[in-house]
Amino acid sequence: MVKKIYLIRHGQTYFNVRGIVQGSGVDAPLNDVGQQQARQFHAAYQGVPFDRVHISTLMRTQQSIQPFLDAGLPFEKHRALDEISWGHREGTRITPEEDIEYHGLLRAWQRGETHLGLPGGESPEEVAARQRPFIEEVLRGRPEEEHVLVCMHGRAMRVLLCQLLNYPLSRMDHFEHRNLCLYKVHYTGSMFSIRNYMDTAHLG
């Protein structure tokens, strides 16, 4: 039995458009474009026999899969799927000064310093640690869930994909993302493999 995991990032929010950092501390709703993206994804994938959907505790993930919930699909919320905390940057508009700080941190992560985070925030290693129980219980376990829909967040998704594919966290930026993009992942019982990479064909 191959478990098919449909891993999506949430739809667009006003904060995405305005360049405001969200992270796990800003619970922003989808904007009109994000709502349309949610409808487009549902139209393309409503025929998949999902057994359950797993989302973060933030409203933008639930709104992104709400059409599936309206059709009766059972769901669970997991703190493990929340976005990384960006600490003191959350809720602020990106400025050139903050870009220096942010890109400096990204370069440190690429050098393997994934224990670092912004002041008051999380490191990728801390995000990975809170994701591991979800990976073991839900993605590696639960054989009765053959088709699984998971909706989460960009940076946290990159961390998750590294863990599923046994990549070092220093390589997480290799996994690009856009609002409401899809990574389709297969799990054979021993290994995970990507079948669709940042798929946005459903958005037209």
Protein backbone atom coordinates (compact mmCIF):
# COMPACT_ATOMS: atom_id res chain seq x y z
CA MET A 1 0.00 0.00 0.00
CA VAL A 2 1.29 3.42 -0.99
CA LYS A 3 0.13 6.35 1.12
CA LYS A 4 -0.51 9.42 -1.02
CA ILE A 5 0.09 12.71 0.78
CA TYR A 6 -1.11 15.95 -0.79
CA LEU A 7 0.90 18.68 0.92
CA ILE A 8 -0.23 22.24 0.22
CA ARG A 9 0.67 25.70 1.40
CA HIS A 10 -2.19 27.99 2.45
CA GLY A 11 -3.72 30.50 0.05
CA GLN A 12 -2.80 34.15 -0.25
CA THR A 13 -3.43 36.60 2.62
CA TYR A 14 -3.40 40.41 2.68
CA PHE A 15 -0.25 40.14 4.75
CA ASN A 16 1.46 38.19 1.94
CA VAL A 17 0.61 40.94 -0.53
CA ARG A 18 1.68 43.77 1.80
CA GLY A 19 4.99 42.15 2.73
CA ILE A 20 4.12 41.73 6.41
CA VAL A 21 5.72 38.85 8.27
CA GLN A 22 3.16 36.39 9.65
CA GLY A 23 4.84 33.35 11.15
CA SER A 24 2.94 31.48 13.85
CA GLY A 25 2.05 34.59 15.84
CA VAL A 26 -0.12 36.37 13.24
CA ASP A 27 -3.42 34.60 12.53
CA ALA A 28 -4.31 36.34 9.27
CA PRO A 29 -7.27 35.27 7.10
CA LEU A 30 -7.15 34.63 3.37
CA ASN A 31 -7.85 37.55 1.06
CA ASP A 32 -10.15 37.33 -1.97
CA VAL A 33 -7.38 35.85 -4.12
CA GLY A 34 -6.67 33.25 -1.45
CA GLN A 35 -10.34 32.30 -1.26
CA GLN A 36 -10.39 31.87 -5.04
CA GLN A 37 -7.25 29.71 -4.85
CA ALA A 38 -9.00 27.51 -2.28
CA ARG A 39 -11.97 27.06 -4.62
CA GLN A 40 -9.67 26.28 -7.55
CA PHE A 41 -7.77 23.65 -5.59
CA HIS A 42 -11.02 22.05 -4.45
CA ALA A 43 -12.36 22.00 -8.01
CA ALA A 44 -9.23 20.21 -9.21
CA TYR A 45 -8.90 17.69 -6.35
CA GLN A 46 -12.42 17.11 -5.02
CA GLY A 47 -12.43 13.71 -6.75
CA VAL A 48 -9.50 12.41 -4.68
CA PRO A 49 -10.83 10.04 -1.98
CA PHE A 50 -9.19 11.82 0.93
CA ASP A 51 -9.57 9.98 4.23
CA ARG A 52 -8.74 13.02 6.36
CA VAL A 53 -7.25 16.50 6.20
CA HIS A 54 -4.62 17.76 8.64
CA ILE A 55 -4.11 21.48 9.15
CA SER A 56 -2.23 23.87 11.41
CA THR A 57 -3.92 25.80 14.21
CA LEU A 58 -3.94 29.01 12.12
CA MET A 59 -7.07 30.08 10.27
CA ARG A 60 -5.43 30.54 6.90
CA THR A 61 -4.91 26.79 6.58
CA GLN A 62 -8.49 25.91 7.49
CA GLN A 63 -9.86 28.51 5.10
CA SER A 64 -7.68 27.04 2.34
CA ILE A 65 -9.38 23.65 2.60
CA GLN A 66 -12.81 24.80 3.80
CA PRO A 67 -14.62 23.52 0.68
CA PHE A 68 -13.48 20.00 1.60
CA LEU A 69 -14.74 20.45 5.15
CA ASP A 70 -18.05 21.76 3.85
CA ALA A 71 -18.35 18.48 1.93
CA GLY A 72 -17.91 16.54 5.18
CA LEU A 73 -14.22 15.58 5.10
CA PRO A 74 -12.97 14.99 8.68
CA PHE A 75 -10.04 17.08 9.83
CA GLU A 76 -7.56 17.54 12.66
CA LYS A 77 -5.58 20.57 13.79
CA HIS A 78 -1.92 20.16 14.73
CA ARG A 79 0.40 22.65 16.39
CA ALA A 80 3.17 20.66 14.71
CA LEU A 81 2.07 22.13 11.36
CA ASP A 82 2.17 25.78 12.46
CA GLU A 83 4.54 28.15 10.70
CA ILE A 84 7.94 28.88 12.19
CA SER A 85 7.87 31.70 14.71
CA TRP A 86 9.73 34.73 13.36
CA GLY A 87 9.84 36.28 16.82
CA HIS A 88 10.15 40.08 16.90
CA ARG A 89 9.63 40.29 13.13
CA GLU A 90 6.05 39.02 13.21
CA GLY A 91 3.41 41.57 12.30
CA THR A 92 5.94 44.03 10.87
CA ARG A 93 6.41 45.12 7.31
CA ILE A 94 9.62 43.99 5.66
CA THR A 95 12.12 46.84 5.49
CA PRO A 96 15.62 46.97 3.94
CA GLU A 97 17.13 46.78 7.43
CA GLU A 98 15.07 43.71 8.29
CA ASP A 99 15.96 42.17 4.92
CA ILE A 100 19.62 42.32 5.97
CA GLU A 101 18.74 40.52 9.19
CA TYR A 102 16.52 37.99 7.43
CA HIS A 103 18.91 37.17 4.60
CA GLY A 104 21.78 36.94 7.06
CA LEU A 105 19.81 34.30 8.92
CA LEU A 106 19.05 32.42 5.68
CA ARG A 107 22.75 32.36 4.84
CA ALA A 108 23.53 31.03 8.31
CA TRP A 109 20.96 28.26 7.81
CA GLN A 110 22.51 27.40 4.44
CA ARG A 111 25.87 27.07 6.21
CA GLY A 112 24.29 24.51 8.50
CA GLU A 113 23.62 26.81 11.48
CA THR A 114 20.01 25.67 11.71
CA HIS A 115 20.00 26.01 15.51
CA LEU A 116 19.69 29.78 15.03
CA GLY A 117 16.48 31.83 14.96
CA LEU A 118 15.44 35.46 15.11
CA PRO A 119 15.13 36.99 18.59
CA GLY A 120 12.06 35.56 20.29
CA GLY A 121 11.48 33.11 17.43
CA GLU A 122 12.10 29.49 16.55
CA SER A 123 14.99 27.81 14.81
CA PRO A 124 14.46 25.26 12.02
CA GLU A 125 15.69 22.58 14.42
CA GLU A 126 12.95 23.50 16.90
CA VAL A 127 10.32 23.36 14.14
CA ALA A 128 11.66 19.98 13.04
CA ALA A 129 11.44 18.66 16.61
CA ARG A 130 7.77 19.57 16.98
CA GLN A 131 6.99 18.05 13.57
CA ARG A 132 8.51 14.63 14.30
CA PRO A 133 5.60 13.23 16.34
CA PHE A 134 3.22 14.22 13.52
CA ILE A 135 5.44 12.48 10.97
CA GLU A 136 5.58 9.30 13.01
CA GLU A 137 1.95 9.19 14.11
CA VAL A 138 0.15 10.50 11.04
CA LEU A 139 2.38 10.21 7.97
CA ARG A 140 4.27 7.01 8.80
CA GLY A 141 1.43 5.60 10.87
CA ARG A 142 -2.32 5.37 10.33
CA PRO A 143 -2.34 2.86 7.45
CA GLU A 144 -6.10 3.36 7.21
CA GLU A 145 -5.45 6.89 5.89
CA GLU A 146 -4.37 6.10 2.32
CA HIS A 147 -5.08 9.56 0.86
CA VAL A 148 -4.13 12.44 3.13
CA LEU A 149 -4.44 16.18 2.59
CA VAL A 150 -2.09 18.36 4.67
CA CYS A 151 -2.29 22.17 4.64
CA MET A 152 0.45 24.18 6.31
CA HIS A 153 2.92 27.05 5.78
CA GLY A 154 5.90 27.84 3.57
CA ARG A 155 8.91 27.66 5.88
CA ALA A 156 7.42 24.86 7.98
CA MET A 157 6.70 22.95 4.77
CA ARG A 158 10.35 23.24 3.76
CA VAL A 159 11.40 21.83 7.12
CA LEU A 160 8.90 18.98 6.81
CA LEU A 161 10.03 18.04 3.31
CA CYS A 162 13.66 17.92 4.45
CA GLN A 163 12.70 15.50 7.18
CA LEU A 164 10.60 13.28 4.91
CA LEU A 165 13.35 13.03 2.29
CA ASN A 166 16.29 12.85 4.75
CA TYR A 167 17.79 16.12 3.54
CA PRO A 168 19.78 18.30 5.94
CA LEU A 169 17.84 21.38 7.03
CA SER A 170 20.54 23.50 5.41
CA ARG A 171 18.99 22.50 2.06
CA MET A 172 15.42 23.50 2.87
CA ASP A 173 15.41 26.46 0.48
CA HIS A 174 15.66 23.98 -2.39
CA PHE A 175 11.94 23.40 -1.82
CA GLU A 176 10.29 26.43 -3.38
CA HIS A 177 6.70 27.35 -2.68
CA ARG A 178 3.87 29.66 -3.69
CA ASN A 179 0.45 30.26 -2.19
CA LEU A 180 -1.73 27.16 -2.61
CA CYS A 181 1.00 25.14 -4.32
CA LEU A 182 1.00 21.35 -4.07
CA TYR A 183 3.72 18.85 -3.27
CA LYS A 184 2.43 15.34 -3.82
CA VAL A 185 4.40 12.83 -1.75
CA HIS A 186 4.17 9.04 -1.78
CA TYR A 187 5.07 6.89 1.23
CA THR A 188 5.75 3.21 0.59
CA GLY A 189 6.11 2.17 4.22
CA SER A 190 9.87 2.62 4.12
CA MET A 191 10.53 5.84 2.22
CA PHE A 192 8.95 9.09 1.01
CA SER A 193 9.29 10.38 -2.56
CA ILE A 194 8.04 13.54 -4.30
CA ARG A 195 5.76 13.00 -7.30
CA ASN A 196 4.63 16.62 -7.83
CA TYR A 197 6.95 19.54 -7.06
CA MET A 198 5.43 22.96 -6.31
CA ASP A 199 2.48 22.15 -8.59
CA THR A 200 0.23 25.14 -9.33
CA ALA A 201 -1.52 23.79 -12.46
CA HIS A 202 -4.85 23.88 -10.59
CA LEU A 203 -4.60 27.68 -10.29
CA GLY A 204 -4.98 28.13 -14.04
